[in-house]
Protein backbone atom coordinates (compact mmCIF):
# COMPACT_ATOMS: atom_id res chain seq x y z
CA MET A 1 -76.41 3.66 -143.05
CA GLY A 2 -75.70 5.86 -146.08
CA LYS A 3 -72.26 6.71 -147.30
CA LYS A 4 -70.57 9.73 -145.83
CA PRO A 5 -70.74 12.53 -148.44
CA ARG A 6 -67.49 13.14 -150.25
CA PRO A 7 -66.06 16.65 -149.98
CA ALA A 8 -65.54 18.91 -152.94
CA THR A 9 -62.36 17.84 -154.71
CA PRO A 10 -59.87 20.54 -155.73
CA ARG A 11 -57.71 19.64 -158.70
CA PRO A 12 -54.08 20.77 -159.08
CA ALA A 13 -53.69 24.41 -160.02
CA ALA A 14 -52.67 25.17 -163.61
CA ARG A 15 -50.36 28.15 -163.94
CA ILE A 16 -51.35 30.86 -166.43
CA PRO A 17 -48.86 33.69 -167.09
CA VAL A 18 -50.80 36.91 -167.76
CA ALA A 19 -49.08 40.25 -168.49
CA GLY A 20 -45.99 39.24 -166.57
CA ASN A 21 -47.93 38.18 -163.48
CA GLU A 22 -48.33 34.50 -162.67
CA ARG A 23 -51.97 33.53 -162.27
CA VAL A 24 -53.44 30.10 -161.63
CA ARG A 25 -56.50 28.15 -162.59
CA VAL A 26 -58.01 25.93 -159.88
CA GLU A 27 -60.72 23.37 -160.61
CA VAL A 28 -63.19 22.12 -158.01
CA GLU A 29 -65.48 19.15 -158.58
CA PHE A 30 -68.71 18.70 -156.60
CA ASP A 31 -70.37 15.28 -156.34
CA LYS A 32 -73.93 16.51 -155.63
CA PRO A 33 -75.09 18.53 -158.65
CA GLN A 34 -78.46 19.23 -157.00
CA LEU A 35 -76.67 21.44 -154.45
CA LEU A 36 -75.05 23.68 -157.05
CA VAL A 37 -78.11 25.89 -157.53
CA PRO A 38 -78.22 26.98 -153.85
CA LEU A 39 -74.41 27.13 -153.81
CA PHE A 40 -74.22 29.47 -156.80
CA GLY A 41 -77.31 31.48 -155.77
CA GLN A 42 -80.07 32.93 -157.90
CA TYR A 43 -78.60 34.21 -161.16
CA ASP A 44 -75.17 33.13 -159.78
CA GLN A 45 -75.29 35.96 -157.22
CA ASN A 46 -73.10 34.04 -154.75
CA LEU A 47 -70.40 33.47 -157.38
CA ILE A 48 -70.60 37.12 -158.41
CA ALA A 49 -70.16 38.19 -154.77
CA LEU A 50 -67.16 35.87 -154.43
CA GLU A 51 -65.59 37.22 -157.62
CA GLY A 52 -66.06 40.80 -156.43
CA GLN A 53 -64.55 40.11 -153.02
CA LEU A 54 -61.48 38.21 -154.20
CA GLY A 55 -60.86 39.54 -157.70
CA VAL A 56 -61.12 36.13 -159.35
CA TYR A 57 -63.04 34.82 -162.36
CA ILE A 58 -65.30 31.79 -161.78
CA SER A 59 -66.86 29.63 -164.48
CA ALA A 60 -68.97 26.50 -164.06
CA ARG A 61 -69.56 23.57 -166.40
CA GLY A 62 -71.61 20.65 -165.13
CA ASN A 63 -70.45 19.79 -161.63
CA ARG A 64 -67.01 21.39 -162.12
CA VAL A 65 -66.06 24.93 -161.26
CA GLN A 66 -62.93 26.69 -162.53
CA ILE A 67 -61.43 29.61 -160.63
CA GLU A 68 -58.83 31.88 -162.23
CA GLY A 69 -56.84 34.55 -160.43
CA GLU A 70 -53.80 35.22 -158.33
CA ALA A 71 -52.68 32.11 -156.48
CA ASP A 72 -53.72 33.20 -152.97
CA ALA A 73 -57.08 34.57 -154.12
CA ALA A 74 -57.90 31.49 -156.20
CA ALA A 75 -57.02 29.17 -153.32
CA ARG A 76 -59.14 31.23 -150.93
CA ALA A 77 -62.10 31.20 -153.34
CA ARG A 78 -61.75 27.43 -153.67
CA ASP A 79 -61.76 26.99 -149.88
CA VAL A 80 -64.77 29.29 -149.47
CA LEU A 81 -66.77 27.40 -152.10
CA ALA A 82 -65.83 24.05 -150.57
CA SER A 83 -66.81 25.25 -147.09
CA LEU A 84 -70.17 26.59 -148.28
CA TYR A 85 -70.79 23.36 -150.20
CA GLN A 86 -70.20 21.31 -147.05
CA ARG A 87 -72.67 23.53 -145.22
CA LEU A 88 -75.29 22.60 -147.83
CA VAL A 89 -74.38 18.91 -147.63
CA HIS A 90 -75.12 19.00 -143.91
CA GLY A 91 -78.52 20.62 -144.38
CA GLY A 92 -77.62 24.29 -144.03
CA SER A 93 -78.37 27.16 -146.37
CA VAL A 94 -76.20 29.71 -148.17
CA ASP A 95 -76.91 33.31 -149.12
CA ALA A 96 -74.83 36.32 -150.14
CA GLY A 97 -74.20 37.21 -146.48
CA ASP A 98 -72.78 33.74 -145.85
CA VAL A 99 -70.44 34.21 -148.81
CA LEU A 100 -69.13 37.53 -147.49
CA GLY A 101 -68.73 36.05 -144.02
CA ALA A 102 -66.85 33.02 -145.30
CA VAL A 103 -64.50 35.29 -147.27
CA ALA A 104 -63.81 37.43 -144.19
CA ILE A 105 -63.10 34.35 -142.06
CA ALA A 106 -60.84 32.86 -144.73
CA ALA A 107 -58.89 36.16 -144.89
CA ASP A 108 -58.11 36.19 -141.16
CA PRO A 109 -54.72 34.49 -140.60
CA SER A 110 -55.48 33.92 -136.92
CA LEU A 111 -58.31 31.55 -137.94
CA ASP A 112 -56.24 29.27 -140.16
CA GLY A 113 -57.36 26.22 -138.18
CA LEU A 114 -61.04 26.97 -138.63
CA THR A 115 -61.58 25.27 -141.99
CA ALA A 116 -60.74 21.59 -142.24
CA ALA A 117 -58.79 20.21 -145.18
CA ASP A 118 -62.02 18.93 -146.76
CA GLY A 119 -63.59 22.37 -146.67
CA GLY A 120 -65.95 21.49 -143.84
CA GLN A 121 -66.83 24.10 -141.25
CA SER A 122 -65.33 23.55 -137.81
CA THR A 123 -67.90 22.81 -135.13
CA THR A 124 -66.42 25.60 -133.00
CA ALA A 125 -67.83 28.11 -135.50
CA ALA A 126 -71.46 26.97 -135.25
CA ILE A 127 -74.23 26.73 -132.66
CA ARG A 128 -76.94 24.10 -133.08
CA THR A 129 -80.49 24.61 -131.79
CA ARG A 130 -83.77 22.81 -132.39
CA ARG A 131 -84.81 24.97 -135.33
CA LYS A 132 -81.53 25.89 -137.00
CA THR A 133 -77.76 25.84 -136.96
CA ILE A 134 -76.21 29.29 -136.69
CA VAL A 135 -72.80 29.58 -138.37
CA ALA A 136 -70.30 32.38 -137.74
CA ARG A 137 -70.34 35.11 -140.38
CA SER A 138 -67.32 37.15 -139.28
CA PRO A 139 -63.94 36.55 -137.61
CA THR A 140 -65.14 38.13 -134.35
CA GLN A 141 -68.24 35.92 -134.39
CA VAL A 142 -65.93 32.89 -134.58
CA ARG A 143 -64.06 34.07 -131.47
CA TYR A 144 -67.35 34.99 -129.79
CA ILE A 145 -68.82 31.52 -130.33
CA GLU A 146 -65.66 29.97 -128.88
CA ALA A 147 -65.85 32.31 -125.85
CA LEU A 148 -69.54 31.49 -125.35
CA ALA A 149 -68.62 27.82 -125.10
CA HIS A 150 -65.70 28.21 -122.68
CA ASP A 151 -65.66 31.45 -120.66
CA SER A 152 -67.78 32.17 -117.58
CA ILE A 153 -68.52 35.84 -118.22
CA ILE A 154 -68.42 37.35 -121.71
CA PHE A 155 -68.75 41.00 -122.69
CA ALA A 156 -69.82 41.55 -126.32
CA LEU A 157 -69.41 45.15 -127.49
CA GLY A 158 -70.25 46.61 -130.85
CA PRO A 159 -72.89 48.16 -133.11
CA ALA A 160 -76.35 46.81 -133.86
CA GLY A 161 -76.52 43.97 -136.34
CA THR A 162 -73.26 42.20 -135.46
CA GLY A 163 -75.01 39.20 -133.84
CA LYS A 164 -74.10 39.88 -130.21
CA THR A 165 -77.47 39.08 -128.64
CA TYR A 166 -78.61 36.61 -131.29
CA LEU A 167 -75.59 34.34 -130.85
CA ALA A 168 -75.81 34.60 -127.06
CA VAL A 169 -79.45 33.47 -127.13
CA ALA A 170 -78.52 30.65 -129.53
CA GLN A 171 -75.80 29.39 -127.17
CA ALA A 172 -78.16 29.70 -124.21
CA VAL A 173 -80.85 27.64 -125.96
CA SER A 174 -78.25 25.06 -127.05
CA GLN A 175 -77.05 24.62 -123.47
CA LEU A 176 -80.61 24.42 -122.14
CA ILE A 177 -81.43 21.67 -124.65
CA SER A 178 -78.25 19.75 -123.77
CA GLY A 179 -78.96 20.03 -120.04
CA SER A 180 -75.74 21.84 -119.13
CA VAL A 181 -77.87 24.63 -117.59
CA ASP A 182 -81.31 24.38 -115.99
CA ARG A 183 -82.74 27.72 -117.08
CA LEU A 184 -82.24 30.86 -119.12
CA VAL A 185 -82.51 34.33 -117.66
CA LEU A 186 -82.72 37.12 -120.25
CA SER A 187 -82.77 40.75 -119.15
CA ARG A 188 -82.59 44.34 -120.37
CA PRO A 189 -82.66 47.70 -118.62
CA ALA A 190 -85.97 49.47 -119.32
CA VAL A 191 -84.37 52.80 -120.16
CA GLU A 192 -86.64 55.46 -121.62
CA ALA A 193 -85.01 56.59 -124.87
CA GLY A 194 -87.29 59.56 -125.53
CA GLU A 195 -90.43 57.71 -124.36
CA ARG A 196 -92.15 57.54 -120.97
CA LEU A 197 -93.13 54.17 -119.50
CA GLY A 198 -95.97 55.76 -117.55
CA PHE A 199 -97.84 56.64 -120.72
CA LEU A 200 -97.77 53.08 -122.08
CA PRO A 201 -101.02 51.11 -121.53
CA GLY A 202 -101.34 48.08 -119.24
CA ASP A 203 -99.66 46.80 -116.10
CA MET A 204 -95.89 46.75 -115.50
CA LYS A 205 -95.40 43.57 -117.60
CA ASP A 206 -97.27 45.18 -120.51
CA LYS A 207 -95.14 48.31 -120.16
CA VAL A 208 -91.75 46.56 -120.18
CA ASP A 209 -92.48 43.75 -122.67
CA PRO A 210 -91.83 45.99 -125.71
CA TYR A 211 -88.30 46.61 -124.38
CA LEU A 212 -87.73 42.85 -124.19
CA ARG A 213 -89.21 41.99 -127.60
CA PRO A 214 -85.82 41.40 -129.33
CA LEU A 215 -85.13 38.64 -126.81
CA TYR A 216 -88.49 37.00 -127.50
CA ASP A 217 -87.83 37.23 -131.25
CA ALA A 218 -84.49 35.46 -130.92
CA LEU A 219 -86.03 32.71 -128.78
CA TYR A 220 -88.76 31.98 -131.32
CA ASP A 221 -86.04 31.73 -133.97
CA MET A 222 -84.26 28.99 -132.00
CA LEU A 223 -87.14 26.93 -130.58
CA PRO A 224 -90.62 25.88 -131.78
CA ALA A 225 -93.27 28.31 -130.51
CA GLU A 226 -94.96 25.73 -128.27
CA GLN A 227 -91.65 24.96 -126.55
CA VAL A 228 -90.97 28.66 -125.93
CA GLU A 229 -94.44 29.10 -124.38
CA ARG A 230 -94.11 25.97 -122.26
CA ARG A 231 -90.65 26.85 -120.98
CA LEU A 232 -91.71 30.43 -120.23
CA ALA A 233 -94.72 29.14 -118.28
CA SER A 234 -92.58 26.67 -116.29
CA GLY A 235 -89.88 29.24 -115.51
CA GLU A 236 -87.16 27.44 -117.47
CA ILE A 237 -86.94 30.62 -119.54
CA GLU A 238 -87.33 33.91 -117.70
CA ILE A 239 -87.39 37.31 -119.39
CA ALA A 240 -87.33 40.21 -116.97
CA PRO A 241 -86.25 43.84 -116.61
CA LEU A 242 -82.88 44.39 -114.96
CA ALA A 243 -84.49 45.80 -111.81
CA PHE A 244 -86.00 42.36 -111.10
CA MET A 245 -82.51 40.84 -110.69
CA ARG A 246 -81.75 42.50 -107.36
CA GLY A 247 -81.29 40.16 -104.40
CA ARG A 248 -81.06 36.95 -106.43
CA THR A 249 -78.32 34.34 -106.90
CA LEU A 250 -78.56 32.58 -110.26
CA ALA A 251 -77.04 29.08 -110.21
CA SER A 252 -76.97 26.59 -113.11
CA ALA A 253 -78.30 29.32 -115.40
CA PHE A 254 -77.37 31.02 -118.64
CA ILE A 255 -77.86 34.73 -118.02
CA ILE A 256 -77.91 37.39 -120.75
CA LEU A 257 -78.04 41.15 -120.24
CA ASP A 258 -78.86 43.03 -123.44
CA GLU A 259 -78.50 46.79 -124.07
CA ALA A 260 -76.01 46.84 -121.19
CA GLN A 261 -74.63 50.25 -122.22
CA ASN A 262 -77.74 51.69 -120.52
CA THR A 263 -76.87 50.38 -117.07
CA THR A 264 -75.21 52.51 -114.41
CA PRO A 265 -72.03 51.18 -112.72
CA LEU A 266 -74.08 50.28 -109.63
CA GLN A 267 -76.64 48.39 -111.71
CA MET A 268 -73.86 46.54 -113.53
CA LYS A 269 -72.22 45.57 -110.23
CA MET A 270 -75.60 44.32 -108.98
CA PHE A 271 -76.11 42.24 -112.13
CA LEU A 272 -72.61 40.71 -112.25
CA THR A 273 -72.80 39.68 -108.59
CA ARG A 274 -75.90 37.56 -109.34
CA PHE A 275 -73.49 35.03 -110.88
CA GLY A 276 -73.80 31.59 -109.28
CA GLU A 277 -72.32 28.08 -109.55
CA LYS A 278 -72.44 26.32 -112.94
CA SER A 279 -73.66 29.49 -114.64
CA ARG A 280 -72.60 31.48 -117.68
CA MET A 281 -73.22 35.20 -118.14
CA VAL A 282 -73.19 37.29 -121.32
CA VAL A 283 -73.32 41.09 -121.32
CA CYS A 284 -74.14 42.71 -124.68
CA GLY A 285 -74.14 46.38 -125.60
CA ASP A 286 -72.95 49.20 -127.83
CA PRO A 287 -70.83 51.81 -126.02
CA ASN A 288 -71.70 54.31 -128.77
CA GLN A 289 -75.46 54.05 -128.14
CA VAL A 290 -75.78 55.15 -124.50
CA ASP A 291 -79.24 56.55 -123.68
CA LEU A 292 -78.36 57.58 -120.12
CA PRO A 293 -78.23 61.30 -119.28
CA GLY A 294 -74.44 61.11 -118.91
CA PRO A 295 -72.83 58.77 -121.49
CA ASN A 296 -69.65 58.54 -119.42
CA SER A 297 -71.64 56.89 -116.62
CA SER A 298 -72.31 53.68 -118.57
CA GLY A 299 -71.87 50.58 -116.44
CA LEU A 300 -70.80 48.56 -119.47
CA ILE A 301 -67.79 50.75 -120.21
CA ASP A 302 -66.89 50.87 -116.53
CA ALA A 303 -67.13 47.07 -116.09
CA VAL A 304 -65.00 46.21 -119.13
CA ARG A 305 -62.29 48.55 -117.85
CA ARG A 306 -62.41 47.20 -114.28
CA LEU A 307 -62.51 43.49 -115.14
CA ASP A 308 -59.92 43.47 -117.92
CA GLY A 309 -57.45 40.60 -117.56
CA ILE A 310 -59.38 38.52 -115.02
CA PRO A 311 -59.24 34.78 -115.98
CA GLY A 312 -62.60 33.41 -117.10
CA ILE A 313 -63.82 36.84 -118.26
CA SER A 314 -63.49 37.81 -121.91
CA ALA A 315 -64.43 40.87 -123.96
CA LEU A 316 -65.16 40.73 -127.70
CA ARG A 317 -65.34 43.91 -129.77
CA PHE A 318 -67.26 43.97 -133.04
CA SER A 319 -66.82 46.66 -135.70
CA SER A 320 -69.24 48.13 -138.24
CA ARG A 321 -67.49 46.02 -140.91
CA GLU A 322 -68.94 42.94 -139.20
CA VAL A 323 -72.61 43.96 -139.39
CA VAL A 324 -74.49 40.93 -140.72
CA ARG A 325 -77.75 42.69 -141.54
CA HIS A 326 -78.19 44.54 -144.84
CA PRO A 327 -74.81 46.00 -146.00
CA LEU A 328 -76.31 49.51 -145.75
CA VAL A 329 -76.52 49.10 -141.95
CA GLY A 330 -72.73 49.05 -141.71
CA HIS A 331 -72.49 52.26 -143.74
CA ILE A 332 -75.15 53.89 -141.56
CA VAL A 333 -73.23 52.95 -138.41
CA ASP A 334 -70.03 54.43 -139.87
CA ALA A 335 -71.84 57.63 -140.84
CA TYR A 336 -73.20 58.18 -137.34
CA GLU A 337 -69.94 57.30 -135.59
CA GLY A 338 -67.86 59.64 -137.76
CA PRO A 339 -67.61 63.45 -137.44
CA PRO A 340 -70.84 65.36 -138.16
CA GLN A 341 -71.29 66.59 -141.71
CA ASP A 342 -72.01 70.24 -142.52
CA ALA A 343 -75.58 70.91 -143.70
C-alpha cells in the first residue's frame, strides 16, 4: 500500500509592515510538483482569480507558493489553495469556478468546520458517483448536500444554474449505487411555456421527453451510458411527467420533482403524498420563473409556506450570487429580477 499523501504545509507567517498597515507573508509548500499546473490553471488563471477575490499577491517558485496580504485574506488564500490541492491529490479537478466556490465557502463563518486542518475537503461537502465526485461550489450547496444526506423532504429554491437539480440527481444516483434506495423516480410537470404539446410529433412519450431532457442529461453525467439504459429498461430509474404520479405510493425510492414552481397546489399535494417508507424526496424550482397563468397559484410557493418548521422537512434558498454556470448567468438573473429598465 502506498504512503498517504502529505498535505500542503503552511509555514509560519512573516509580518510585513506596509504604509502603517500590518501585512503578512504566508508560505505554502506542496509535495507533488506535477499537480501545480492544474492547481495554478492555464496561464495561472486560478491564482489570478484567487488574487482578485481576496486582494492578495501570490508568487510561486518551485513547489513553494508565497502569499502576501492582510492576515485574514492571506490565511484564507492559503486554506483555499490547500483545499484545492487536496482535491487534486484525490483525483479531482480544479477550474476557475472551483476557486470562486472555495473562496465563498471559506468566507462563510457558519462553515468553519468544513475544511479540515490539513486543507482537505470534508466528505459532507461532496457527492460521489460512478463517473465523478461533485464538490460543493457555494455555501448553500454545502448545506444542500448535508440536507440531501439527512432530511426526508427537501425543497431547493433558486435561479437556474445554482445546482439544485444536478446535486439532487447526484445524491439519488449515489444512494442507488450504495443500495440505500431501490429506485429513482424523476419527474417534471409538462407545462407549456409558449408551446403546445399537441403540435409536437410522436406519441405521448415523444411529446414529453423534451421536457425531461435535463434529468436525462444529469443521469448520463453520473453513470456510464450503458448503466443508465439498463436501469431505465429495468425500472430502477423512472423518468415520468408529474401526471403519472397520481395514485402511487413510492417506498424505498429517491424521488425528485424538477421545475416544481409550475405545479398547482393540488398537484403539489398529490406529489408530496406519494412519499413512502425509506424514501427521500427533493422538490426543485425557481419561484421567479412560474409559467402558470397565475403566478400566485404556484404549488411550490404554497408548499414551502405550509410545511415550514416541520421536522424532517428542510428548505434551501439559493441566490443569483451562487450561480455556478458562466458568471454572466448570475448577472442575467439579477437583471431580470430587478425593476424593468426604460427603453
